[in-house]
N, C-alpha and C. Protein backbone atom coordinates (compact mmCIF):
# COMPACT_ATOMS: atom_id res chain seq x y z
N MET A 1 5.64 -9.94 -6.77
CA MET A 1 6.51 -8.80 -6.95
C MET A 1 5.90 -7.60 -6.22
N PRO A 2 6.69 -6.86 -5.47
CA PRO A 2 6.16 -5.72 -4.74
C PRO A 2 5.75 -4.59 -5.68
N VAL A 3 4.85 -3.75 -5.20
CA VAL A 3 4.47 -2.55 -5.93
C VAL A 3 5.59 -1.51 -5.80
N VAL A 4 6.15 -1.41 -4.60
CA VAL A 4 7.24 -0.48 -4.32
C VAL A 4 8.44 -1.29 -3.83
N PRO A 5 9.44 -1.51 -4.70
CA PRO A 5 10.65 -2.21 -4.25
C PRO A 5 11.36 -1.43 -3.14
N ASN A 6 12.03 -2.14 -2.27
CA ASN A 6 12.70 -1.51 -1.14
C ASN A 6 13.65 -0.40 -1.59
N ALA A 7 14.34 -0.58 -2.68
CA ALA A 7 15.30 0.42 -3.15
C ALA A 7 14.63 1.77 -3.43
N TRP A 8 13.36 1.77 -3.81
CA TRP A 8 12.66 3.01 -4.13
C TRP A 8 12.44 3.86 -2.88
N ILE A 9 12.44 3.25 -1.71
CA ILE A 9 12.25 4.01 -0.47
C ILE A 9 13.37 5.03 -0.30
N ALA A 10 14.50 4.81 -0.94
CA ALA A 10 15.64 5.72 -0.83
C ALA A 10 15.30 7.13 -1.30
N VAL A 11 14.30 7.29 -2.17
CA VAL A 11 13.97 8.63 -2.66
C VAL A 11 13.18 9.43 -1.62
N LEU A 12 12.68 8.78 -0.58
CA LEU A 12 11.94 9.48 0.46
C LEU A 12 12.90 10.19 1.40
N PRO A 13 12.52 11.36 1.92
CA PRO A 13 13.39 12.01 2.90
C PRO A 13 13.50 11.16 4.16
N ASP A 14 14.55 11.36 4.92
CA ASP A 14 14.76 10.57 6.13
C ASP A 14 13.62 10.70 7.12
N HIS A 15 12.93 11.84 7.12
CA HIS A 15 11.84 12.05 8.08
C HIS A 15 10.49 11.52 7.58
N ALA A 16 10.46 10.91 6.41
CA ALA A 16 9.21 10.40 5.85
C ALA A 16 8.62 9.32 6.74
N VAL A 17 7.31 9.20 6.70
CA VAL A 17 6.60 8.13 7.40
C VAL A 17 5.80 7.37 6.35
N ILE A 18 6.02 6.07 6.28
CA ILE A 18 5.29 5.21 5.34
C ILE A 18 4.06 4.69 6.07
N CYS A 19 2.89 4.95 5.50
CA CYS A 19 1.64 4.46 6.07
C CYS A 19 1.20 3.25 5.26
N ASP A 20 1.33 2.08 5.85
CA ASP A 20 1.01 0.82 5.20
C ASP A 20 -0.46 0.50 5.42
N LEU A 21 -1.28 0.68 4.39
CA LEU A 21 -2.70 0.41 4.52
C LEU A 21 -3.08 -0.99 4.06
N ALA A 22 -2.29 -1.60 3.19
CA ALA A 22 -2.63 -2.91 2.66
C ALA A 22 -2.28 -4.03 3.63
N VAL A 23 -1.16 -3.93 4.29
CA VAL A 23 -0.71 -4.86 5.32
C VAL A 23 -0.78 -6.31 4.84
N ASP A 24 -0.34 -6.56 3.63
CA ASP A 24 -0.27 -7.92 3.13
C ASP A 24 0.92 -8.63 3.77
N PRO A 25 0.86 -9.96 3.88
CA PRO A 25 1.93 -10.69 4.55
C PRO A 25 3.05 -11.09 3.59
N TYR A 26 4.10 -11.64 4.14
CA TYR A 26 5.12 -12.32 3.35
C TYR A 26 4.80 -13.81 3.42
N LEU A 27 4.43 -14.40 2.30
CA LEU A 27 4.18 -15.84 2.22
C LEU A 27 5.09 -16.38 1.12
N LEU A 28 6.35 -16.58 1.48
CA LEU A 28 7.35 -16.93 0.49
C LEU A 28 7.28 -18.38 0.04
N ASP A 29 6.58 -19.23 0.80
CA ASP A 29 6.43 -20.63 0.41
C ASP A 29 5.20 -20.86 -0.46
N ALA A 30 4.37 -19.84 -0.63
CA ALA A 30 3.17 -19.96 -1.45
C ALA A 30 3.55 -19.95 -2.93
N THR A 31 2.65 -20.47 -3.77
CA THR A 31 2.85 -20.44 -5.22
C THR A 31 1.65 -19.74 -5.83
N PRO A 32 1.82 -18.55 -6.41
CA PRO A 32 3.06 -17.78 -6.47
C PRO A 32 3.38 -17.18 -5.09
N ARG A 33 4.63 -16.77 -4.94
CA ARG A 33 5.06 -16.14 -3.69
C ARG A 33 4.27 -14.87 -3.44
N ILE A 34 4.00 -14.59 -2.19
CA ILE A 34 3.28 -13.37 -1.82
C ILE A 34 4.23 -12.51 -1.01
N VAL A 35 4.40 -11.28 -1.47
CA VAL A 35 5.26 -10.33 -0.76
C VAL A 35 4.45 -9.08 -0.46
N ARG A 36 4.98 -8.26 0.40
CA ARG A 36 4.30 -7.02 0.78
C ARG A 36 4.28 -6.07 -0.41
N GLY A 37 3.27 -5.21 -0.47
CA GLY A 37 3.20 -4.21 -1.52
C GLY A 37 4.37 -3.25 -1.46
N ILE A 38 4.78 -2.89 -0.25
CA ILE A 38 5.96 -2.06 -0.04
C ILE A 38 7.02 -3.00 0.52
N GLU A 39 7.98 -3.30 -0.31
CA GLU A 39 8.96 -4.33 0.03
C GLU A 39 9.85 -3.95 1.20
N GLY A 40 10.03 -4.90 2.10
CA GLY A 40 11.01 -4.76 3.17
C GLY A 40 10.55 -4.02 4.40
N ILE A 41 9.23 -3.78 4.54
CA ILE A 41 8.77 -3.09 5.75
C ILE A 41 8.12 -4.11 6.69
N PRO A 42 8.23 -3.86 8.00
CA PRO A 42 7.59 -4.76 8.96
C PRO A 42 6.07 -4.66 8.92
N GLN A 43 5.42 -5.72 9.36
CA GLN A 43 3.95 -5.75 9.42
C GLN A 43 3.51 -5.58 10.86
N GLY A 44 2.66 -4.59 11.10
CA GLY A 44 2.17 -4.33 12.44
C GLY A 44 0.94 -5.15 12.79
N ASP A 45 0.54 -5.03 14.04
CA ASP A 45 -0.67 -5.68 14.52
C ASP A 45 -1.32 -4.79 15.58
N LEU A 46 -2.32 -5.29 16.24
CA LEU A 46 -3.05 -4.45 17.20
C LEU A 46 -2.22 -4.09 18.41
N ASP A 47 -1.17 -4.84 18.69
CA ASP A 47 -0.31 -4.53 19.83
C ASP A 47 0.81 -3.57 19.48
N ARG A 48 1.19 -3.56 18.21
CA ARG A 48 2.35 -2.76 17.80
C ARG A 48 2.19 -2.33 16.35
N TRP A 49 2.16 -1.02 16.11
CA TRP A 49 1.96 -0.56 14.73
C TRP A 49 2.91 0.55 14.30
N GLU A 50 3.85 0.92 15.14
CA GLU A 50 4.86 1.92 14.75
C GLU A 50 6.23 1.26 14.75
N PHE A 51 7.01 1.52 13.68
CA PHE A 51 8.34 0.94 13.56
C PHE A 51 9.33 2.00 13.09
N ALA A 52 10.27 2.35 13.95
CA ALA A 52 11.34 3.28 13.59
C ALA A 52 12.35 2.54 12.72
N PRO A 53 13.17 3.25 11.96
CA PRO A 53 14.15 2.59 11.10
C PRO A 53 15.12 1.66 11.84
N ASP A 54 15.37 1.91 13.12
CA ASP A 54 16.29 1.05 13.87
C ASP A 54 15.58 -0.01 14.71
N ASP A 55 14.28 -0.20 14.48
CA ASP A 55 13.51 -1.19 15.23
C ASP A 55 13.97 -2.60 14.86
N PRO A 56 14.11 -3.50 15.81
CA PRO A 56 14.52 -4.88 15.52
C PRO A 56 13.54 -5.64 14.62
N ALA A 57 12.31 -5.15 14.47
CA ALA A 57 11.33 -5.83 13.61
C ALA A 57 11.82 -5.90 12.16
N TRP A 58 12.59 -4.91 11.73
CA TRP A 58 13.13 -4.93 10.37
C TRP A 58 14.04 -6.15 10.18
N ASP A 59 14.86 -6.42 11.17
CA ASP A 59 15.83 -7.53 11.07
C ASP A 59 15.16 -8.88 11.23
N ALA A 60 13.92 -8.92 11.71
CA ALA A 60 13.21 -10.17 11.89
C ALA A 60 12.49 -10.63 10.61
N LEU A 61 12.53 -9.81 9.57
CA LEU A 61 11.89 -10.19 8.30
C LEU A 61 12.69 -11.32 7.65
N PRO A 62 12.07 -12.08 6.73
CA PRO A 62 12.80 -13.15 6.06
C PRO A 62 14.08 -12.62 5.42
N ALA A 63 15.14 -13.42 5.51
CA ALA A 63 16.48 -12.99 5.07
C ALA A 63 16.51 -12.56 3.60
N GLU A 64 15.68 -13.16 2.75
CA GLU A 64 15.72 -12.81 1.32
C GLU A 64 14.94 -11.55 0.97
N ILE A 65 14.34 -10.90 1.96
CA ILE A 65 13.60 -9.65 1.75
C ILE A 65 14.55 -8.48 1.97
N PRO A 66 14.77 -7.63 0.96
CA PRO A 66 15.63 -6.47 1.14
C PRO A 66 15.03 -5.48 2.13
N THR A 67 15.83 -5.04 3.08
CA THR A 67 15.37 -4.07 4.09
C THR A 67 16.35 -2.92 4.25
N GLY A 68 17.27 -2.76 3.31
CA GLY A 68 18.32 -1.76 3.44
C GLY A 68 17.82 -0.33 3.52
N GLU A 69 16.74 -0.04 2.81
CA GLU A 69 16.16 1.31 2.83
C GLU A 69 15.05 1.32 3.86
N ARG A 70 15.18 2.17 4.88
CA ARG A 70 14.23 2.18 5.98
C ARG A 70 13.77 3.59 6.31
N ARG A 71 12.50 3.71 6.57
CA ARG A 71 11.91 4.94 7.08
C ARG A 71 10.94 4.52 8.17
N THR A 72 10.48 5.44 8.97
CA THR A 72 9.47 5.11 9.96
C THR A 72 8.24 4.56 9.24
N VAL A 73 7.68 3.49 9.78
CA VAL A 73 6.51 2.83 9.18
C VAL A 73 5.41 2.73 10.23
N VAL A 74 4.19 3.02 9.81
CA VAL A 74 3.02 2.69 10.61
C VAL A 74 2.25 1.64 9.81
N SER A 75 1.96 0.52 10.48
CA SER A 75 1.36 -0.62 9.81
C SER A 75 0.55 -1.41 10.83
N CYS A 76 -0.66 -1.79 10.45
CA CYS A 76 -1.48 -2.62 11.34
C CYS A 76 -2.39 -3.46 10.47
N TYR A 77 -2.38 -4.78 10.69
CA TYR A 77 -3.21 -5.65 9.87
C TYR A 77 -4.70 -5.40 10.08
N SER A 78 -5.05 -4.65 11.09
CA SER A 78 -6.45 -4.40 11.40
C SER A 78 -6.62 -2.98 11.93
N TRP A 79 -6.44 -1.99 11.04
CA TRP A 79 -6.52 -0.60 11.49
C TRP A 79 -7.79 -0.30 12.28
N PRO A 80 -8.94 -0.76 11.86
CA PRO A 80 -10.13 -0.41 12.66
C PRO A 80 -10.06 -0.93 14.09
N GLY A 81 -9.26 -1.97 14.33
CA GLY A 81 -9.15 -2.51 15.68
C GLY A 81 -8.44 -1.59 16.65
N VAL A 82 -7.64 -0.65 16.13
CA VAL A 82 -6.92 0.26 17.01
C VAL A 82 -7.91 1.19 17.71
N ARG A 83 -8.79 1.79 16.94
CA ARG A 83 -9.87 2.64 17.47
C ARG A 83 -11.09 2.39 16.58
N PRO A 84 -11.83 1.28 16.83
CA PRO A 84 -12.85 0.81 15.88
C PRO A 84 -13.91 1.83 15.48
N GLU A 85 -14.57 2.45 16.44
CA GLU A 85 -15.68 3.33 16.07
C GLU A 85 -15.22 4.55 15.28
N PRO A 86 -14.20 5.29 15.75
CA PRO A 86 -13.76 6.44 14.94
C PRO A 86 -13.25 6.01 13.56
N CYS A 87 -12.58 4.86 13.48
CA CYS A 87 -12.09 4.39 12.18
C CYS A 87 -13.24 4.13 11.21
N MET A 88 -14.29 3.51 11.70
CA MET A 88 -15.42 3.20 10.83
C MET A 88 -16.12 4.48 10.37
N HIS A 89 -16.16 5.51 11.21
CA HIS A 89 -16.74 6.79 10.79
C HIS A 89 -15.89 7.43 9.70
N VAL A 90 -14.57 7.38 9.85
CA VAL A 90 -13.68 7.94 8.82
C VAL A 90 -13.82 7.16 7.53
N TYR A 91 -13.75 5.82 7.62
CA TYR A 91 -13.88 5.00 6.41
C TYR A 91 -15.21 5.27 5.71
N GLY A 92 -16.28 5.33 6.50
CA GLY A 92 -17.59 5.57 5.92
C GLY A 92 -17.68 6.91 5.22
N SER A 93 -17.15 7.95 5.85
CA SER A 93 -17.22 9.28 5.23
C SER A 93 -16.36 9.36 3.97
N GLN A 94 -15.30 8.56 3.90
CA GLN A 94 -14.46 8.57 2.71
C GLN A 94 -15.06 7.72 1.59
N LEU A 95 -15.69 6.63 1.94
CA LEU A 95 -16.22 5.71 0.93
C LEU A 95 -17.60 6.11 0.41
N ALA A 96 -18.41 6.74 1.24
CA ALA A 96 -19.79 7.06 0.85
C ALA A 96 -19.87 7.83 -0.47
N PRO A 97 -19.13 8.92 -0.66
CA PRO A 97 -19.26 9.64 -1.94
C PRO A 97 -18.80 8.81 -3.14
N LEU A 98 -17.80 7.97 -2.93
CA LEU A 98 -17.33 7.11 -4.03
C LEU A 98 -18.40 6.09 -4.39
N LEU A 99 -19.01 5.48 -3.39
CA LEU A 99 -20.06 4.50 -3.65
C LEU A 99 -21.27 5.13 -4.31
N GLU A 100 -21.64 6.34 -3.87
CA GLU A 100 -22.78 7.03 -4.48
C GLU A 100 -22.53 7.29 -5.96
N VAL A 101 -21.34 7.76 -6.30
CA VAL A 101 -21.00 8.03 -7.70
C VAL A 101 -20.96 6.73 -8.50
N LEU A 102 -20.37 5.71 -7.92
CA LEU A 102 -20.25 4.42 -8.60
C LEU A 102 -21.63 3.83 -8.88
N LEU A 103 -22.51 3.88 -7.89
CA LEU A 103 -23.87 3.34 -8.07
C LEU A 103 -24.66 4.17 -9.06
N SER A 104 -24.56 5.50 -8.97
CA SER A 104 -25.34 6.35 -9.90
C SER A 104 -24.84 6.23 -11.33
N ALA A 105 -23.58 5.85 -11.51
CA ALA A 105 -23.02 5.66 -12.86
C ALA A 105 -23.33 4.28 -13.41
N GLY A 106 -23.92 3.42 -12.61
CA GLY A 106 -24.24 2.08 -13.09
C GLY A 106 -23.03 1.15 -13.10
N GLY A 107 -22.04 1.47 -12.31
CA GLY A 107 -20.83 0.64 -12.26
C GLY A 107 -19.65 1.36 -12.86
N LEU A 108 -18.51 0.72 -12.83
CA LEU A 108 -17.27 1.33 -13.29
C LEU A 108 -17.32 1.69 -14.78
N GLU A 109 -18.10 0.95 -15.56
CA GLU A 109 -18.19 1.24 -16.99
C GLU A 109 -18.78 2.62 -17.26
N GLY A 110 -19.60 3.13 -16.31
CA GLY A 110 -20.21 4.44 -16.48
C GLY A 110 -19.40 5.59 -15.92
N ILE A 111 -18.25 5.31 -15.38
CA ILE A 111 -17.40 6.35 -14.80
C ILE A 111 -16.62 7.05 -15.91
N ARG A 112 -16.66 8.38 -15.91
CA ARG A 112 -15.94 9.17 -16.90
C ARG A 112 -14.60 9.63 -16.30
N PRO A 113 -13.48 9.25 -16.87
CA PRO A 113 -12.18 9.64 -16.32
C PRO A 113 -11.99 11.15 -16.23
N GLU A 114 -12.71 11.91 -17.03
CA GLU A 114 -12.60 13.37 -16.99
C GLU A 114 -13.77 13.99 -16.22
N GLY A 115 -14.57 13.18 -15.55
CA GLY A 115 -15.76 13.64 -14.84
C GLY A 115 -15.45 14.33 -13.53
N SER A 116 -16.37 14.21 -12.58
CA SER A 116 -16.25 14.86 -11.28
C SER A 116 -15.01 14.37 -10.54
N TYR A 117 -14.71 15.05 -9.46
CA TYR A 117 -13.57 14.67 -8.61
C TYR A 117 -13.62 13.19 -8.24
N PHE A 118 -14.80 12.72 -7.81
CA PHE A 118 -14.92 11.33 -7.37
C PHE A 118 -14.87 10.37 -8.55
N GLU A 119 -15.39 10.78 -9.71
CA GLU A 119 -15.26 9.93 -10.90
C GLU A 119 -13.79 9.79 -11.28
N GLN A 120 -13.06 10.90 -11.23
CA GLN A 120 -11.63 10.84 -11.55
C GLN A 120 -10.90 9.92 -10.57
N ALA A 121 -11.24 10.01 -9.29
CA ALA A 121 -10.59 9.15 -8.29
C ALA A 121 -10.89 7.69 -8.56
N LEU A 122 -12.14 7.36 -8.88
CA LEU A 122 -12.50 5.98 -9.19
C LEU A 122 -11.80 5.50 -10.46
N ALA A 123 -11.74 6.36 -11.46
CA ALA A 123 -11.09 5.98 -12.72
C ALA A 123 -9.60 5.72 -12.49
N ARG A 124 -8.95 6.63 -11.76
CA ARG A 124 -7.50 6.46 -11.51
C ARG A 124 -7.21 5.26 -10.61
N GLY A 125 -8.17 4.89 -9.78
CA GLY A 125 -7.97 3.76 -8.88
C GLY A 125 -8.33 2.42 -9.49
N SER A 126 -8.83 2.41 -10.71
CA SER A 126 -9.25 1.16 -11.33
C SER A 126 -8.07 0.43 -11.97
N LEU A 127 -8.16 -0.87 -12.00
CA LEU A 127 -7.12 -1.66 -12.67
C LEU A 127 -7.04 -1.31 -14.14
N ARG A 128 -8.19 -1.03 -14.74
CA ARG A 128 -8.22 -0.69 -16.17
C ARG A 128 -7.32 0.50 -16.45
N HIS A 129 -7.36 1.51 -15.58
CA HIS A 129 -6.53 2.70 -15.77
C HIS A 129 -5.06 2.33 -15.74
N TRP A 130 -4.66 1.55 -14.76
CA TRP A 130 -3.25 1.23 -14.59
C TRP A 130 -2.76 0.23 -15.62
N GLN A 131 -3.64 -0.58 -16.16
CA GLN A 131 -3.24 -1.50 -17.22
C GLN A 131 -2.96 -0.75 -18.51
N ASP A 132 -3.58 0.43 -18.67
CA ASP A 132 -3.38 1.24 -19.88
C ASP A 132 -2.18 2.16 -19.79
N GLN A 133 -1.50 2.20 -18.64
CA GLN A 133 -0.37 3.10 -18.43
C GLN A 133 0.95 2.36 -18.62
N PRO A 134 1.95 3.02 -19.19
CA PRO A 134 3.27 2.38 -19.25
C PRO A 134 3.84 2.26 -17.85
N ALA A 135 4.56 1.20 -17.61
CA ALA A 135 5.18 0.99 -16.29
C ALA A 135 6.26 2.04 -16.08
N PRO A 136 6.34 2.62 -14.87
CA PRO A 136 7.39 3.61 -14.62
C PRO A 136 8.75 2.92 -14.55
N ALA A 137 9.76 3.62 -14.96
CA ALA A 137 11.11 3.08 -14.88
C ALA A 137 11.58 3.15 -13.44
N PRO A 138 12.17 2.07 -12.94
CA PRO A 138 12.67 2.10 -11.55
C PRO A 138 13.88 3.02 -11.43
N PRO A 139 14.12 3.54 -10.24
CA PRO A 139 15.32 4.36 -10.04
C PRO A 139 16.57 3.53 -10.34
N VAL A 140 17.63 4.18 -10.70
CA VAL A 140 18.88 3.50 -10.99
C VAL A 140 19.30 2.70 -9.77
N GLY A 141 19.65 1.44 -10.00
CA GLY A 141 20.12 0.58 -8.91
C GLY A 141 19.00 -0.08 -8.14
N ALA A 142 17.73 0.16 -8.52
CA ALA A 142 16.62 -0.44 -7.79
C ALA A 142 16.52 -1.92 -8.14
N GLY A 143 16.35 -2.74 -7.15
CA GLY A 143 16.17 -4.17 -7.35
C GLY A 143 14.91 -4.61 -6.64
N ALA A 144 14.32 -5.67 -7.09
CA ALA A 144 13.11 -6.18 -6.46
C ALA A 144 13.26 -7.67 -6.22
N LEU A 145 12.50 -8.16 -5.30
CA LEU A 145 12.49 -9.58 -5.00
C LEU A 145 11.99 -10.34 -6.22
N ASP A 146 12.73 -11.35 -6.66
CA ASP A 146 12.31 -12.13 -7.82
C ASP A 146 11.03 -12.88 -7.51
N ALA A 147 10.17 -12.95 -8.50
CA ALA A 147 8.90 -13.66 -8.30
C ALA A 147 9.11 -15.15 -8.38
């Protein structure tokens, strides 16, 4: 089941750009089925990572994947491959403070949800946090690919 059903994209303005960082595939024959986190968007690669709403890549997706709601998408299964060295510097600078806090806290169990900026980010990004939250109600008329 996708994290963001295609119908939810409708709430984004027409000029929105979806940045696909997970770049998971569609593996509909797998058990369980594997779908993209953001339903109905094309998957990029090192040769092509920008997709306008009228790009033919949308129509090349499996027929059972809803693609009616479209915005510009940037997606690449290997972002560091586009510009490897600068990407690794950015990733490193973003991850270093999180890793330092995580290590100094002795692991996720030592992270305080009300603590520093980075502790809060780690707490909000943990599965434990999201398992404790009620699921948001989908927009009216939103449908998702059946699992």
